[in-house]
PDB file of N, CA and C in Angstrom:
ATOM      1  N   MET A   1     -13.053  21.761 -13.710  1.00  0.00           N
ATOM      2  CA  MET A   1     -13.498  20.933 -13.057  1.00  0.00           C
ATOM      3  C   MET A   1     -14.382  21.843 -12.269  1.00  0.00           C
ATOM      4  N   SER A   2     -15.737  21.360 -12.862  1.00  0.00           N
ATOM      5  CA  SER A   2     -16.935  21.922 -12.194  1.00  0.00           C
ATOM      6  C   SER A   2     -17.075  21.655 -10.604  1.00  0.00           C
ATOM      7  N   PRO A   3     -17.702  22.227  -9.960  1.00  0.00           N
ATOM      8  CA  PRO A   3     -18.020  21.978  -8.965  1.00  0.00           C
ATOM      9  C   PRO A   3     -18.779  20.569  -8.371  1.00  0.00           C
ATOM     10  N   ARG A   4     -19.172  20.173  -9.077  1.00  0.00           N
ATOM     11  CA  ARG A   4     -20.282  18.927  -9.209  1.00  0.00           C
ATOM     12  C   ARG A   4     -18.762  17.919  -9.213  1.00  0.00           C
ATOM     13  N   GLU A   5     -18.299  17.856 -10.546  1.00  0.00           N
ATOM     14  CA  GLU A   5     -17.389  17.271 -11.342  1.00  0.00           C
ATOM     15  C   GLU A   5     -16.266  17.114  -9.460  1.00  0.00           C
ATOM     16  N   THR A   6     -16.019  17.980  -8.864  1.00  0.00           N
ATOM     17  CA  THR A   6     -14.992  17.923  -7.599  1.00  0.00           C
ATOM     18  C   THR A   6     -15.801  17.151  -6.455  1.00  0.00           C
ATOM     19  N   LEU A   7     -16.645  17.269  -6.665  1.00  0.00           N
ATOM     20  CA  LEU A   7     -17.483  16.934  -5.151  1.00  0.00           C
ATOM     21  C   LEU A   7     -17.739  15.525  -5.540  1.00  0.00           C
ATOM     22  N   VAL A   8     -18.439  14.597  -7.051  1.00  0.00           N
ATOM     23  CA  VAL A   8     -18.330  13.256  -7.394  1.00  0.00           C
ATOM     24  C   VAL A   8     -17.110  12.688  -6.783  1.00  0.00           C
ATOM     25  N   LYS A   9     -15.578  13.404  -7.807  1.00  0.00           N
ATOM     26  CA  LYS A   9     -14.502  12.739  -7.325  1.00  0.00           C
ATOM     27  C   LYS A   9     -13.813  12.860  -5.310  1.00  0.00           C
ATOM     28  N   GLU A  10     -14.193  13.718  -5.357  1.00  0.00           N
ATOM     29  CA  GLU A  10     -14.083  13.204  -3.640  1.00  0.00           C
ATOM     30  C   GLU A  10     -14.898  12.654  -3.031  1.00  0.00           C
ATOM     31  N   THR A  11     -16.236  12.847  -3.479  1.00  0.00           N
ATOM     32  CA  THR A  11     -16.889  11.571  -2.936  1.00  0.00           C
ATOM     33  C   THR A  11     -16.405   9.767  -2.744  1.00  0.00           C
ATOM     34  N   ARG A  12     -15.855   9.959  -4.180  1.00  0.00           N
ATOM     35  CA  ARG A  12     -15.700   8.417  -4.697  1.00  0.00           C
ATOM     36  C   ARG A  12     -14.157   8.241  -3.781  1.00  0.00           C
ATOM     37  N   GLU A  13     -12.967   9.127  -3.367  1.00  0.00           N
ATOM     38  CA  GLU A  13     -12.109   9.044  -2.795  1.00  0.00           C
ATOM     39  C   GLU A  13     -12.260   8.572  -1.472  1.00  0.00           C
ATOM     40  N   TRP A  14     -13.251   9.192  -0.527  1.00  0.00           N
ATOM     41  CA  TRP A  14     -14.093   8.913   0.900  1.00  0.00           C
ATOM     42  C   TRP A  14     -14.109   7.468   0.689  1.00  0.00           C
ATOM     43  N   LEU A  15     -15.040   7.006  -0.543  1.00  0.00           N
ATOM     44  CA  LEU A  15     -16.008   5.684  -0.194  1.00  0.00           C
ATOM     45  C   LEU A  15     -14.857   4.743  -0.739  1.00  0.00           C
ATOM     46  N   GLU A  16     -13.693   4.970  -1.150  1.00  0.00           N
ATOM     47  CA  GLU A  16     -12.660   4.193  -1.554  1.00  0.00           C
ATOM     48  C   GLU A  16     -11.928   4.214  -0.385  1.00  0.00           C
ATOM     49  N   HIS A  17     -11.955   4.964   0.348  1.00  0.00           N
ATOM     50  CA  HIS A  17     -10.632   4.863   1.985  1.00  0.00           C
ATOM     51  C   HIS A  17     -12.178   3.952   2.680  1.00  0.00           C
ATOM     52  N   ALA A  18     -13.457   4.230   2.412  1.00  0.00           N
ATOM     53  CA  ALA A  18     -14.082   3.608   3.557  1.00  0.00           C
ATOM     54  C   ALA A  18     -14.015   2.539   3.267  1.00  0.00           C
ATOM     55  N   ARG A  19     -14.264   1.762   2.295  1.00  0.00           N
ATOM     56  CA  ARG A  19     -14.008   0.034   1.619  1.00  0.00           C
ATOM     57  C   ARG A  19     -12.086  -0.233   2.370  1.00  0.00           C
ATOM     58  N   SER A  20     -11.491   0.615   2.064  1.00  0.00           N
ATOM     59  CA  SER A  20     -10.253   0.139   2.829  1.00  0.00           C
ATOM     60  C   SER A  20     -10.522  -0.323   4.402  1.00  0.00           C
ATOM     61  N   ASP A  21     -10.734   0.635   5.002  1.00  0.00           N
ATOM     62  CA  ASP A  21     -11.296   0.462   6.472  1.00  0.00           C
ATOM     63  C   ASP A  21     -12.000  -1.009   6.738  1.00  0.00           C
ATOM     64  N   LEU A  22     -13.078  -1.061   5.999  1.00  0.00           N
ATOM     65  CA  LEU A  22     -14.280  -2.467   5.581  1.00  0.00           C
ATOM     66  C   LEU A  22     -13.691  -3.494   5.817  1.00  0.00           C
ATOM     67  N   ASP A  23     -12.231  -3.788   4.870  1.00  0.00           N
ATOM     68  CA  ASP A  23     -11.739  -5.044   4.472  1.00  0.00           C
ATOM     69  C   ASP A  23     -10.532  -4.838   5.664  1.00  0.00           C
ATOM     70  N   ALA A  24     -10.069  -3.759   6.244  1.00  0.00           N
ATOM     71  CA  ALA A  24      -9.189  -3.659   7.174  1.00  0.00           C
ATOM     72  C   ALA A  24     -10.031  -4.774   8.223  1.00  0.00           C
ATOM     73  N   CYS A  25     -10.881  -4.319   8.644  1.00  0.00           N
ATOM     74  CA  CYS A  25     -11.652  -4.148  10.135  1.00  0.00           C
ATOM     75  C   CYS A  25     -11.861  -5.837   9.734  1.00  0.00           C
ATOM     76  N   ALA A  26     -12.444  -6.435   8.650  1.00  0.00           N
ATOM     77  CA  ALA A  26     -12.512  -7.771   8.463  1.00  0.00           C
ATOM     78  C   ALA A  26     -11.304  -8.717   8.663  1.00  0.00           C
ATOM     79  N   ALA A  27     -10.407  -8.102   7.782  1.00  0.00           N
ATOM     80  CA  ALA A  27      -9.288  -9.144   8.079  1.00  0.00           C
ATOM     81  C   ALA A  27      -8.564  -9.219   9.766  1.00  0.00           C
ATOM     82  N   LEU A  28      -8.881  -8.023  10.182  1.00  0.00           N
ATOM     83  CA  LEU A  28      -8.470  -7.957  11.798  1.00  0.00           C
ATOM     84  C   LEU A  28      -9.253  -8.983  13.242  1.00  0.00           C
ATOM     85  N   ILE A  29     -10.590  -8.659  12.446  1.00  0.00           N
ATOM     86  CA  ILE A  29     -11.426  -9.762  13.066  1.00  0.00           C
ATOM     87  C   ILE A  29     -11.193 -10.888  12.718  1.00  0.00           C
ATOM     88  N   ALA A  30     -10.944 -11.875  11.390  1.00  0.00           N
ATOM     89  CA  ALA A  30     -10.448 -12.786  10.982  1.00  0.00           C
ATOM     90  C   ALA A  30      -9.688 -13.070  11.867  1.00  0.00           C
ATOM     91  N   ALA A  31      -8.327 -12.310  12.178  1.00  0.00           N
ATOM     92  CA  ALA A  31      -6.915 -12.551  12.695  1.00  0.00           C
ATOM     93  C   ALA A  31      -7.215 -12.862  14.552  1.00  0.00           C
ATOM     94  N   GLY A  32      -8.591 -11.891  15.051  1.00  0.00           N
ATOM     95  CA  GLY A  32      -8.702 -12.692  16.453  1.00  0.00           C
ATOM     96  C   GLY A  32      -8.338 -11.331  16.910  1.00  0.00           C
ATOM     97  N   LEU A  33      -8.180 -10.131  16.229  1.00  0.00           N
ATOM     98  CA  LEU A  33      -7.947  -8.642  17.419  1.00  0.00           C
ATOM     99  C   LEU A  33      -9.073  -7.865  16.847  1.00  0.00           C
ATOM    100  N   PRO A  34     -10.338  -7.892  17.668  1.00  0.00           N
ATOM    101  CA  PRO A  34     -11.323  -6.947  17.654  1.00  0.00           C
ATOM    102  C   PRO A  34     -11.277  -5.607  17.678  1.00  0.00           C
ATOM    103  N   ALA A  35     -10.189  -5.417  18.786  1.00  0.00           N
ATOM    104  CA  ALA A  35      -9.626  -4.092  19.256  1.00  0.00           C
ATOM    105  C   ALA A  35      -8.981  -3.344  18.224  1.00  0.00           C
ATOM    106  N   GLU A  36      -8.239  -4.044  17.559  1.00  0.00           N
ATOM    107  CA  GLU A  36      -7.524  -3.163  16.319  1.00  0.00           C
ATOM    108  C   GLU A  36      -8.856  -2.818  15.282  1.00  0.00           C
ATOM    109  N   ALA A  37      -9.834  -4.015  15.249  1.00  0.00           N
ATOM    110  CA  ALA A  37     -10.938  -3.404  14.319  1.00  0.00           C
ATOM    111  C   ALA A  37     -11.854  -2.292  14.360  1.00  0.00           C
ATOM    112  N   LEU A  38     -11.975  -1.862  15.802  1.00  0.00           N
ATOM    113  CA  LEU A  38     -12.543  -1.224  16.295  1.00  0.00           C
ATOM    114  C   LEU A  38     -11.880  -0.072  15.740  1.00  0.00           C
ATOM    115  N   PHE A  39     -10.523   0.068  16.038  1.00  0.00           N
ATOM    116  CA  PHE A  39      -9.761   1.696  15.493  1.00  0.00           C
ATOM    117  C   PHE A  39     -10.596   1.829  14.085  1.00  0.00           C
ATOM    118  N   HIS A  40     -10.207   1.231  12.727  1.00  0.00           N
ATOM    119  CA  HIS A  40     -10.784   1.269  11.741  1.00  0.00           C
ATOM    120  C   HIS A  40     -12.273   1.550  11.246  1.00  0.00           C
ATOM    121  N   ALA A  41     -13.173   0.944  12.101  1.00  0.00           N
ATOM    122  CA  ALA A  41     -14.570   1.314  12.372  1.00  0.00           C
ATOM    123  C   ALA A  41     -14.894   2.909  12.600  1.00  0.00           C
TER     124      ALA A  41
END
């Protein structure tokens, strides 16, 4: 795998993780747990 391909793969993995954290924030805020949502932010 070229360095560029590695960078693209790792970037996509980080973006997927960030999306998961944002989804967790939204769910926690909707559940009335803003402090817990801040942890994921």
